[in-house]
Amino acid sequence: MQALLKLTNRNYDAIISPEDDDLNAESWYETERGYIQQYSPGGIIKLHRLVMERKLGRVLFPNEMVDHRSRVRLDNTRDNLRLATQTLNEGNKGVRRDNSSGYKGVSLMANGKFKATITIERKSKHLKCWLTAVEAALAYDQAAREYFGEFALLNFP
């Protein structure tokens, strides 16, 4: 079951769980990056972090990340949010905008081969070079499953 959260700067709403419907008493807006937040005297409050704190019944540590399972930032239902480390959250990121291969973790090299690379704890790890983009994408997927588990966003799910 879901409830809607009115956004002050949009003609559409965000999705929240019914138990968080009281948040409609406050003003929320969508940022350019698609996150929902509000201003408060203590600073900016991000909706996904607030909902996770309510779900857990405690304040989040600064190093705790909140991941949207569906990758839809407007969906802040409790079932769609999960705790993550920075590394696991990286595993759920999409294909980069400057990607020319069409596959996550795959780039075309000057020699015409395709390089598979995965980023772990903000460090790139070269996996191998392949003759085709599909082979490199499959290699990325295998490494992503190993490193990110359920957080892995795969080329071939």
N, C-alpha and C. Protein backbone atom coordinates (compact mmCIF):
# COMPACT_ATOMS: atom_id res chain seq x y z
N MET A 1 0.83 -1.18 0.00
CA MET A 1 0.00 0.00 0.00
C MET A 1 0.88 1.25 0.00
N GLN A 2 0.42 2.28 -0.70
CA GLN A 2 1.23 3.49 -0.84
C GLN A 2 0.41 4.74 -0.55
N ALA A 3 1.11 5.81 -0.23
CA ALA A 3 0.50 7.12 -0.06
C ALA A 3 1.29 8.09 -0.94
N LEU A 4 0.71 9.24 -1.21
CA LEU A 4 1.38 10.24 -2.04
C LEU A 4 1.86 11.39 -1.18
N LEU A 5 3.02 11.93 -1.55
CA LEU A 5 3.59 13.08 -0.85
C LEU A 5 3.62 14.24 -1.84
N LYS A 6 2.94 15.31 -1.51
CA LYS A 6 2.88 16.49 -2.38
C LYS A 6 4.25 17.17 -2.45
N LEU A 7 4.64 17.54 -3.66
CA LEU A 7 5.89 18.27 -3.88
C LEU A 7 5.55 19.71 -4.24
N THR A 8 6.23 20.66 -3.61
CA THR A 8 5.90 22.07 -3.82
C THR A 8 6.34 22.60 -5.18
N ASN A 9 7.31 21.96 -5.80
CA ASN A 9 7.85 22.49 -7.05
C ASN A 9 7.55 21.61 -8.27
N ARG A 10 6.64 20.68 -8.14
CA ARG A 10 6.32 19.78 -9.25
C ARG A 10 4.82 19.59 -9.37
N ASN A 11 4.39 19.15 -10.55
CA ASN A 11 2.98 18.85 -10.80
C ASN A 11 2.68 17.37 -10.55
N TYR A 12 3.60 16.68 -9.93
CA TYR A 12 3.42 15.27 -9.59
C TYR A 12 3.85 15.06 -8.15
N ASP A 13 3.59 13.87 -7.65
CA ASP A 13 3.86 13.56 -6.24
C ASP A 13 4.95 12.50 -6.11
N ALA A 14 5.51 12.41 -4.92
CA ALA A 14 6.40 11.30 -4.57
C ALA A 14 5.55 10.22 -3.91
N ILE A 15 6.10 9.02 -3.83
CA ILE A 15 5.39 7.89 -3.22
C ILE A 15 6.03 7.60 -1.87
N ILE A 16 5.18 7.44 -0.86
CA ILE A 16 5.65 7.08 0.48
C ILE A 16 4.75 5.98 1.04
N SER A 17 5.15 5.41 2.15
CA SER A 17 4.34 4.41 2.83
C SER A 17 3.25 5.12 3.64
N PRO A 18 2.10 4.46 3.83
CA PRO A 18 1.00 5.08 4.58
C PRO A 18 1.41 5.56 5.98
N GLU A 19 2.32 4.82 6.64
CA GLU A 19 2.74 5.21 7.99
C GLU A 19 3.55 6.52 8.00
N ASP A 20 3.95 6.99 6.81
CA ASP A 20 4.70 8.25 6.73
C ASP A 20 3.84 9.38 6.16
N ASP A 21 2.55 9.17 6.06
CA ASP A 21 1.64 10.16 5.47
C ASP A 21 1.63 11.48 6.24
N ASP A 22 2.01 11.45 7.52
CA ASP A 22 2.06 12.69 8.31
C ASP A 22 3.09 13.68 7.76
N LEU A 23 4.01 13.21 6.92
CA LEU A 23 5.02 14.09 6.34
C LEU A 23 4.41 15.09 5.37
N ASN A 24 3.16 14.85 4.93
CA ASN A 24 2.48 15.80 4.06
C ASN A 24 2.19 17.13 4.76
N ALA A 25 2.30 17.18 6.07
CA ALA A 25 2.09 18.42 6.81
C ALA A 25 3.25 19.40 6.60
N GLU A 26 4.34 18.91 6.00
CA GLU A 26 5.52 19.73 5.77
C GLU A 26 5.71 19.96 4.27
N SER A 27 6.54 20.92 3.90
CA SER A 27 6.82 21.22 2.49
C SER A 27 8.03 20.43 2.01
N TRP A 28 7.85 19.73 0.90
CA TRP A 28 8.91 18.93 0.30
C TRP A 28 9.08 19.34 -1.16
N TYR A 29 10.31 19.27 -1.66
CA TYR A 29 10.55 19.60 -3.06
C TYR A 29 11.52 18.58 -3.67
N GLU A 30 11.50 18.51 -4.99
CA GLU A 30 12.40 17.62 -5.71
C GLU A 30 13.60 18.42 -6.20
N THR A 31 14.80 17.90 -5.97
CA THR A 31 16.02 18.56 -6.43
C THR A 31 16.24 18.24 -7.91
N GLU A 32 17.20 18.92 -8.51
CA GLU A 32 17.55 18.66 -9.91
C GLU A 32 18.03 17.23 -10.11
N ARG A 33 18.60 16.64 -9.09
CA ARG A 33 19.08 15.25 -9.18
C ARG A 33 17.99 14.24 -8.89
N GLY A 34 16.78 14.72 -8.56
CA GLY A 34 15.65 13.82 -8.38
C GLY A 34 15.38 13.36 -6.96
N TYR A 35 16.15 13.86 -6.00
CA TYR A 35 15.91 13.49 -4.60
C TYR A 35 14.87 14.43 -3.99
N ILE A 36 14.15 13.93 -3.00
CA ILE A 36 13.14 14.72 -2.31
C ILE A 36 13.74 15.21 -1.00
N GLN A 37 13.60 16.51 -0.73
CA GLN A 37 14.15 17.04 0.50
C GLN A 37 13.38 18.28 0.94
N GLN A 38 13.75 18.79 2.12
CA GLN A 38 13.14 20.00 2.66
C GLN A 38 14.20 20.77 3.43
N TYR A 39 13.96 22.06 3.56
CA TYR A 39 14.82 22.89 4.40
C TYR A 39 14.28 22.86 5.82
N SER A 40 15.19 22.85 6.78
CA SER A 40 14.80 22.95 8.19
C SER A 40 15.82 23.86 8.88
N PRO A 41 15.52 24.33 10.07
CA PRO A 41 16.48 25.20 10.77
C PRO A 41 17.86 24.54 10.95
N GLY A 42 17.88 23.22 11.06
CA GLY A 42 19.14 22.52 11.25
C GLY A 42 19.86 22.16 9.95
N GLY A 43 19.26 22.45 8.82
CA GLY A 43 19.87 22.12 7.53
C GLY A 43 18.88 21.40 6.63
N ILE A 44 19.38 20.78 5.60
CA ILE A 44 18.53 20.07 4.63
C ILE A 44 18.23 18.67 5.14
N ILE A 45 16.97 18.27 5.03
CA ILE A 45 16.55 16.91 5.40
C ILE A 45 16.20 16.17 4.12
N LYS A 46 16.85 15.05 3.90
CA LYS A 46 16.58 14.22 2.73
C LYS A 46 15.52 13.18 3.11
N LEU A 47 14.48 13.10 2.29
CA LEU A 47 13.34 12.24 2.61
C LEU A 47 13.75 10.78 2.77
N HIS A 48 14.57 10.25 1.86
CA HIS A 48 14.91 8.82 1.93
C HIS A 48 15.66 8.50 3.23
N ARG A 49 16.47 9.41 3.72
CA ARG A 49 17.17 9.17 4.99
C ARG A 49 16.21 9.26 6.17
N LEU A 50 15.29 10.23 6.14
CA LEU A 50 14.31 10.37 7.21
C LEU A 50 13.41 9.15 7.29
N VAL A 51 12.94 8.66 6.15
CA VAL A 51 12.08 7.48 6.14
C VAL A 51 12.83 6.26 6.68
N MET A 52 14.10 6.11 6.31
CA MET A 52 14.89 4.98 6.81
C MET A 52 15.08 5.10 8.33
N GLU A 53 15.31 6.29 8.83
CA GLU A 53 15.44 6.47 10.28
C GLU A 53 14.15 6.09 11.00
N ARG A 54 13.02 6.45 10.42
CA ARG A 54 11.74 6.07 11.02
C ARG A 54 11.56 4.55 10.97
N LYS A 55 11.95 3.95 9.87
CA LYS A 55 11.82 2.49 9.71
C LYS A 55 12.67 1.76 10.74
N LEU A 56 13.90 2.23 10.95
CA LEU A 56 14.83 1.58 11.88
C LEU A 56 14.61 2.00 13.33
N GLY A 57 13.97 3.15 13.54
CA GLY A 57 13.77 3.65 14.89
C GLY A 57 15.03 4.23 15.50
N ARG A 58 15.93 4.72 14.66
CA ARG A 58 17.17 5.33 15.15
C ARG A 58 17.72 6.31 14.10
N VAL A 59 18.64 7.14 14.54
CA VAL A 59 19.30 8.08 13.64
C VAL A 59 20.36 7.34 12.83
N LEU A 60 20.48 7.67 11.56
CA LEU A 60 21.50 7.04 10.72
C LEU A 60 22.87 7.65 11.00
N PHE A 61 23.89 6.83 10.90
CA PHE A 61 25.25 7.32 10.99
C PHE A 61 25.59 8.01 9.67
N PRO A 62 26.48 9.01 9.68
CA PRO A 62 26.82 9.72 8.44
C PRO A 62 27.34 8.80 7.32
N ASN A 63 28.01 7.71 7.69
CA ASN A 63 28.56 6.81 6.67
C ASN A 63 27.55 5.78 6.16
N GLU A 64 26.35 5.77 6.72
CA GLU A 64 25.31 4.85 6.25
C GLU A 64 24.57 5.49 5.07
N MET A 65 24.51 4.75 3.99
CA MET A 65 23.82 5.21 2.79
C MET A 65 22.44 4.57 2.75
N VAL A 66 21.51 5.23 2.08
CA VAL A 66 20.18 4.68 1.85
C VAL A 66 20.03 4.51 0.35
N ASP A 67 19.73 3.30 -0.06
CA ASP A 67 19.62 2.95 -1.48
C ASP A 67 18.16 2.74 -1.85
N HIS A 68 17.77 3.24 -3.02
CA HIS A 68 16.44 2.97 -3.58
C HIS A 68 16.55 1.68 -4.39
N ARG A 69 15.94 0.60 -3.93
CA ARG A 69 16.02 -0.69 -4.62
C ARG A 69 15.65 -0.58 -6.10
N SER A 70 14.56 0.13 -6.37
CA SER A 70 14.05 0.24 -7.74
C SER A 70 14.81 1.27 -8.57
N ARG A 71 15.68 2.04 -7.92
CA ARG A 71 16.42 3.13 -8.53
C ARG A 71 15.52 4.31 -8.89
N VAL A 72 14.28 4.30 -8.42
CA VAL A 72 13.33 5.40 -8.65
C VAL A 72 13.35 6.29 -7.42
N ARG A 73 13.91 7.47 -7.56
CA ARG A 73 14.09 8.36 -6.40
C ARG A 73 12.79 8.94 -5.88
N LEU A 74 11.74 8.92 -6.68
CA LEU A 74 10.43 9.39 -6.21
C LEU A 74 9.73 8.36 -5.33
N ASP A 75 10.20 7.10 -5.36
CA ASP A 75 9.60 6.03 -4.56
C ASP A 75 10.35 5.91 -3.24
N ASN A 76 9.80 6.53 -2.21
CA ASN A 76 10.40 6.51 -0.88
C ASN A 76 9.59 5.67 0.09
N THR A 77 8.95 4.61 -0.44
CA THR A 77 8.26 3.68 0.44
C THR A 77 9.29 2.90 1.23
N ARG A 78 8.91 2.46 2.40
CA ARG A 78 9.84 1.75 3.27
C ARG A 78 10.38 0.47 2.63
N ASP A 79 9.55 -0.23 1.87
CA ASP A 79 9.99 -1.46 1.22
C ASP A 79 11.00 -1.19 0.11
N ASN A 80 11.01 0.01 -0.45
CA ASN A 80 11.92 0.33 -1.55
C ASN A 80 13.27 0.84 -1.06
N LEU A 81 13.38 1.13 0.22
CA LEU A 81 14.63 1.67 0.76
C LEU A 81 15.38 0.60 1.55
N ARG A 82 16.71 0.63 1.42
CA ARG A 82 17.56 -0.32 2.16
C ARG A 82 18.86 0.37 2.53
N LEU A 83 19.44 -0.06 3.64
CA LEU A 83 20.74 0.45 4.06
C LEU A 83 21.82 -0.10 3.15
N ALA A 84 22.82 0.73 2.90
CA ALA A 84 23.92 0.30 2.04
C ALA A 84 25.20 0.98 2.48
N THR A 85 26.31 0.37 2.14
CA THR A 85 27.60 1.03 2.28
C THR A 85 27.81 1.84 1.00
N GLN A 86 28.81 2.69 1.00
CA GLN A 86 29.14 3.46 -0.21
C GLN A 86 29.44 2.50 -1.37
N THR A 87 30.19 1.44 -1.10
CA THR A 87 30.55 0.48 -2.14
C THR A 87 29.32 -0.22 -2.70
N LEU A 88 28.43 -0.70 -1.84
CA LEU A 88 27.23 -1.38 -2.33
C LEU A 88 26.33 -0.42 -3.10
N ASN A 89 26.25 0.81 -2.65
CA ASN A 89 25.44 1.80 -3.35
C ASN A 89 26.00 2.07 -4.76
N GLU A 90 27.31 2.03 -4.89
CA GLU A 90 27.94 2.19 -6.21
C GLU A 90 27.51 1.08 -7.16
N GLY A 91 27.28 -0.11 -6.62
CA GLY A 91 26.88 -1.24 -7.45
C GLY A 91 25.52 -1.08 -8.07
N ASN A 92 24.71 -0.20 -7.53
CA ASN A 92 23.35 0.01 -8.03
C ASN A 92 23.25 1.24 -8.93
N LYS A 93 24.38 1.83 -9.29
CA LYS A 93 24.38 2.98 -10.19
C LYS A 93 24.21 2.51 -11.63
N GLY A 94 23.64 3.38 -12.42
CA GLY A 94 23.40 3.05 -13.83
C GLY A 94 24.62 3.27 -14.71
N VAL A 95 24.41 3.13 -16.00
CA VAL A 95 25.46 3.35 -16.98
C VAL A 95 25.81 4.83 -17.00
N ARG A 96 27.08 5.14 -17.05
CA ARG A 96 27.51 6.54 -17.08
C ARG A 96 27.02 7.23 -18.35
N ARG A 97 26.80 8.51 -18.26
CA ARG A 97 26.31 9.28 -19.41
C ARG A 97 27.30 9.31 -20.56
N ASP A 98 28.59 9.26 -20.25
CA ASP A 98 29.60 9.32 -21.30
C ASP A 98 29.98 7.94 -21.83
N ASN A 99 29.23 6.92 -21.45
CA ASN A 99 29.50 5.55 -21.89
C ASN A 99 29.15 5.39 -23.36
N SER A 100 30.08 4.84 -24.13
CA SER A 100 29.83 4.66 -25.57
C SER A 100 29.56 3.21 -25.94
N SER A 101 29.79 2.28 -25.02
CA SER A 101 29.59 0.86 -25.33
C SER A 101 28.14 0.44 -25.15
N GLY A 102 27.41 1.18 -24.30
CA GLY A 102 26.03 0.81 -24.00
C GLY A 102 25.91 -0.15 -22.84
N TYR A 103 27.03 -0.57 -22.27
CA TYR A 103 27.03 -1.52 -21.16
C TYR A 103 27.75 -0.93 -19.96
N LYS A 104 27.25 -1.24 -18.79
CA LYS A 104 27.88 -0.79 -17.56
C LYS A 104 29.22 -1.50 -17.38
N GLY A 105 30.26 -0.73 -17.05
CA GLY A 105 31.57 -1.30 -16.79
C GLY A 105 32.35 -1.69 -18.03
N VAL A 106 31.91 -1.25 -19.20
CA VAL A 106 32.57 -1.63 -20.46
C VAL A 106 32.95 -0.38 -21.25
N SER A 107 34.19 -0.36 -21.73
CA SER A 107 34.63 0.75 -22.57
C SER A 107 35.43 0.22 -23.76
N LEU A 108 35.35 0.95 -24.85
CA LEU A 108 36.07 0.59 -26.07
C LEU A 108 37.47 1.18 -26.01
N MET A 109 38.46 0.32 -26.25
CA MET A 109 39.85 0.77 -26.22
C MET A 109 40.30 1.17 -27.62
N ALA A 110 41.43 1.85 -27.71
CA ALA A 110 41.96 2.31 -29.00
C ALA A 110 42.28 1.16 -29.94
N ASN A 111 42.60 -0.02 -29.38
CA ASN A 111 42.95 -1.18 -30.21
C ASN A 111 41.72 -1.93 -30.71
N GLY A 112 40.52 -1.42 -30.39
CA GLY A 112 39.29 -2.05 -30.86
C GLY A 112 38.72 -3.10 -29.93
N LYS A 113 39.45 -3.41 -28.85
CA LYS A 113 38.94 -4.37 -27.88
C LYS A 113 38.10 -3.64 -26.83
N PHE A 114 37.34 -4.43 -26.07
CA PHE A 114 36.47 -3.87 -25.04
C PHE A 114 37.01 -4.25 -23.67
N LYS A 115 37.19 -3.23 -22.84
CA LYS A 115 37.74 -3.43 -21.50
C LYS A 115 36.61 -3.47 -20.49
N ALA A 116 36.64 -4.48 -19.61
CA ALA A 116 35.68 -4.57 -18.51
C ALA A 116 36.37 -4.06 -17.25
N THR A 117 35.71 -3.13 -16.56
CA THR A 117 36.24 -2.52 -15.35
C THR A 117 35.14 -2.42 -14.31
N ILE A 118 35.48 -2.65 -13.05
CA ILE A 118 34.51 -2.49 -11.97
C ILE A 118 35.13 -1.59 -10.92
N THR A 119 34.32 -0.76 -10.29
CA THR A 119 34.81 0.15 -9.25
C THR A 119 34.43 -0.40 -7.88
N ILE A 120 35.45 -0.65 -7.07
CA ILE A 120 35.28 -1.17 -5.71
C ILE A 120 35.93 -0.18 -4.75
N GLU A 121 35.15 0.32 -3.81
CA GLU A 121 35.64 1.29 -2.83
C GLU A 121 36.40 2.43 -3.50
N ARG A 122 35.78 2.96 -4.55
CA ARG A 122 36.27 4.11 -5.31
C ARG A 122 37.58 3.85 -6.05
N LYS A 123 37.92 2.59 -6.25
CA LYS A 123 39.11 2.24 -7.03
C LYS A 123 38.69 1.36 -8.19
N SER A 124 39.18 1.69 -9.38
CA SER A 124 38.85 0.90 -10.57
C SER A 124 39.69 -0.37 -10.60
N LYS A 125 39.02 -1.47 -10.91
CA LYS A 125 39.70 -2.75 -11.04
C LYS A 125 39.49 -3.25 -12.46
N HIS A 126 40.59 -3.38 -13.20
CA HIS A 126 40.54 -3.87 -14.57
C HIS A 126 40.29 -5.38 -14.54
N LEU A 127 39.27 -5.83 -15.26
CA LEU A 127 38.92 -7.25 -15.25
C LEU A 127 39.62 -8.00 -16.37
N LYS A 128 39.48 -7.51 -17.59
CA LYS A 128 40.10 -8.15 -18.74
C LYS A 128 39.64 -7.42 -19.99
N CYS A 129 40.32 -7.67 -21.11
CA CYS A 129 39.89 -7.12 -22.40
C CYS A 129 39.26 -8.23 -23.22
N TRP A 130 38.24 -7.86 -23.99
CA TRP A 130 37.47 -8.83 -24.77
C TRP A 130 37.31 -8.34 -26.20
N LEU A 131 37.02 -9.26 -27.09
CA LEU A 131 36.82 -8.90 -28.49
C LEU A 131 35.47 -8.21 -28.73
N THR A 132 34.48 -8.54 -27.90
CA THR A 132 33.15 -7.94 -28.08
C THR A 132 32.69 -7.26 -26.80
N ALA A 133 31.80 -6.28 -26.98
CA ALA A 133 31.23 -5.57 -25.84
C ALA A 133 30.39 -6.51 -24.98
N VAL A 134 29.71 -7.46 -25.61
CA VAL A 134 28.86 -8.41 -24.86
C VAL A 134 29.71 -9.27 -23.93
N GLU A 135 30.85 -9.76 -24.43
CA GLU A 135 31.73 -10.57 -23.58
C GLU A 135 32.23 -9.76 -22.37
N ALA A 136 32.60 -8.52 -22.62
CA ALA A 136 33.08 -7.66 -21.54
C ALA A 136 31.95 -7.37 -20.55
N ALA A 137 30.73 -7.16 -21.05
CA ALA A 137 29.58 -6.90 -20.18
C ALA A 137 29.28 -8.12 -19.31
N LEU A 138 29.39 -9.30 -19.86
CA LEU A 138 29.17 -10.53 -19.08
C LEU A 138 30.23 -10.67 -17.99
N ALA A 139 31.48 -10.30 -18.31
CA ALA A 139 32.55 -10.35 -17.31
C ALA A 139 32.26 -9.34 -16.19
N TYR A 140 31.80 -8.16 -16.57
CA TYR A 140 31.42 -7.16 -15.56
C TYR A 140 30.32 -7.71 -14.66
N ASP A 141 29.29 -8.30 -15.27
CA ASP A 141 28.16 -8.83 -14.49
C ASP A 141 28.61 -9.87 -13.48
N GLN A 142 29.52 -10.74 -13.89
CA GLN A 142 30.02 -11.78 -12.98
C GLN A 142 30.72 -11.14 -11.78
N ALA A 143 31.57 -10.15 -12.05
CA ALA A 143 32.28 -9.47 -10.96
C ALA A 143 31.30 -8.67 -10.09
N ALA A 144 30.30 -8.05 -10.71
CA ALA A 144 29.32 -7.26 -9.95
C ALA A 144 28.53 -8.15 -8.99
N ARG A 145 28.15 -9.34 -9.45
CA ARG A 145 27.44 -10.27 -8.56
C ARG A 145 28.32 -10.63 -7.36
N GLU A 146 29.59 -10.85 -7.63
CA GLU A 146 30.53 -11.24 -6.57
C GLU A 146 30.72 -10.11 -5.55
N TYR A 147 30.92 -8.89 -6.03
CA TYR A 147 31.22 -7.77 -5.14
C TYR A 147 29.99 -7.11 -4.53
N PHE A 148 28.89 -7.02 -5.29
CA PHE A 148 27.74 -6.24 -4.85
C PHE A 148 26.52 -7.08 -4.47
N GLY A 149 26.51 -8.36 -4.79
CA GLY A 149 25.38 -9.22 -4.44
C GLY A 149 24.06 -8.67 -4.94
N GLU A 150 23.07 -8.57 -4.04
CA GLU A 150 21.74 -8.11 -4.43
C GLU A 150 21.72 -6.65 -4.89
N PHE A 151 22.77 -5.90 -4.61
CA PHE A 151 22.85 -4.50 -5.03
C PHE A 151 23.34 -4.35 -6.47
N ALA A 152 23.83 -5.41 -7.06
CA ALA A 152 24.42 -5.33 -8.39
C ALA A 152 23.38 -4.96 -9.45
N LEU A 153 23.69 -3.92 -10.20
CA LEU A 153 22.88 -3.56 -11.37
C LEU A 153 23.59 -4.19 -12.56
N LEU A 154 22.96 -5.16 -13.16
CA LEU A 154 23.60 -5.98 -14.19
C LEU A 154 23.23 -5.54 -15.60
N ASN A 155 24.11 -5.84 -16.53
CA ASN A 155 23.83 -5.61 -17.94
C ASN A 155 22.83 -6.63 -18.46
N PHE A 156 22.94 -7.86 -17.96
CA PHE A 156 22.06 -8.96 -18.37
C PHE A 156 21.49 -9.63 -17.12
N PRO A 157 20.43 -9.05 -16.54
CA PRO A 157 19.87 -9.59 -15.29
C PRO A 157 19.30 -11.00 -15.44
